[in-house]
Amino acid sequence: MQIIISLALIITTLIFMEAFSWAIHKYLFHGPLWFIHQSHHKPHTSWFEANDVFSILFAAISLYLMWVGRESLDTAFWIGVGISVYGLIYFIFHDWFIHTRVKPFKTNNRYLLGIRRAHKIHHKSMDKNPSEEFGLLLASGKYFRKRK
C-alpha cells in the first residue's frame, strides 16, 4: 500500500508542478521576474543563463523536502522526489530536446514535435509580451495537428 501512496504523491506532484510552472511562467517570469527570465529569451553565448536560477531554486526545494522526510520516507520526501522527477523531465524536454543545450536528438513523435512547435511560438517574441504557450508538457491542440 505504501508504494501506491508514494507513486500517487509523485504523480500528483508532477501534475501540480505542470500547473504551477505554467502559472509562475506566465504571471511571474513574464511579469515582475522578467529581469531574470529575459536571459532565456535573448541570444547568449554562455551555457548558463540567469534564468537557470529558477531551476536551482526548485532543486534546492526538492532536496530540502527529501532531506526532511528521509528517515520516515514521509509525504515531504515523496513530494521532493516528484519535484525532482519534474526537474528531470524539464531538463530532457526543455533544455535538451527543445533548446539543445546538450547534443540534440531527432524524433518523428507527433507529441514531442507539437511541444517543440509550441515552445518555438513562445520564443517567437524576444520581449516580455506578447507571449503564449507557457506550459512544458501541455500545449494547445493546434500544435499537434499534422502539417500539410
Foldseek 3Di string as FASTA:
>chain_A
DVVVVLVVLLVVLLVVCQVVQLVCVLDPCLHVVVVQNLQVLDDDDDLDGSVCVVLVVLLVCLVVLLVVCVPVCDSSNSSSVSSVVNSVVCCVLPVCAQVNSDPYDDDPDLQSQLLNVLVVQQSPDSHSDDGDDRGRRDDDPVSSDDDD
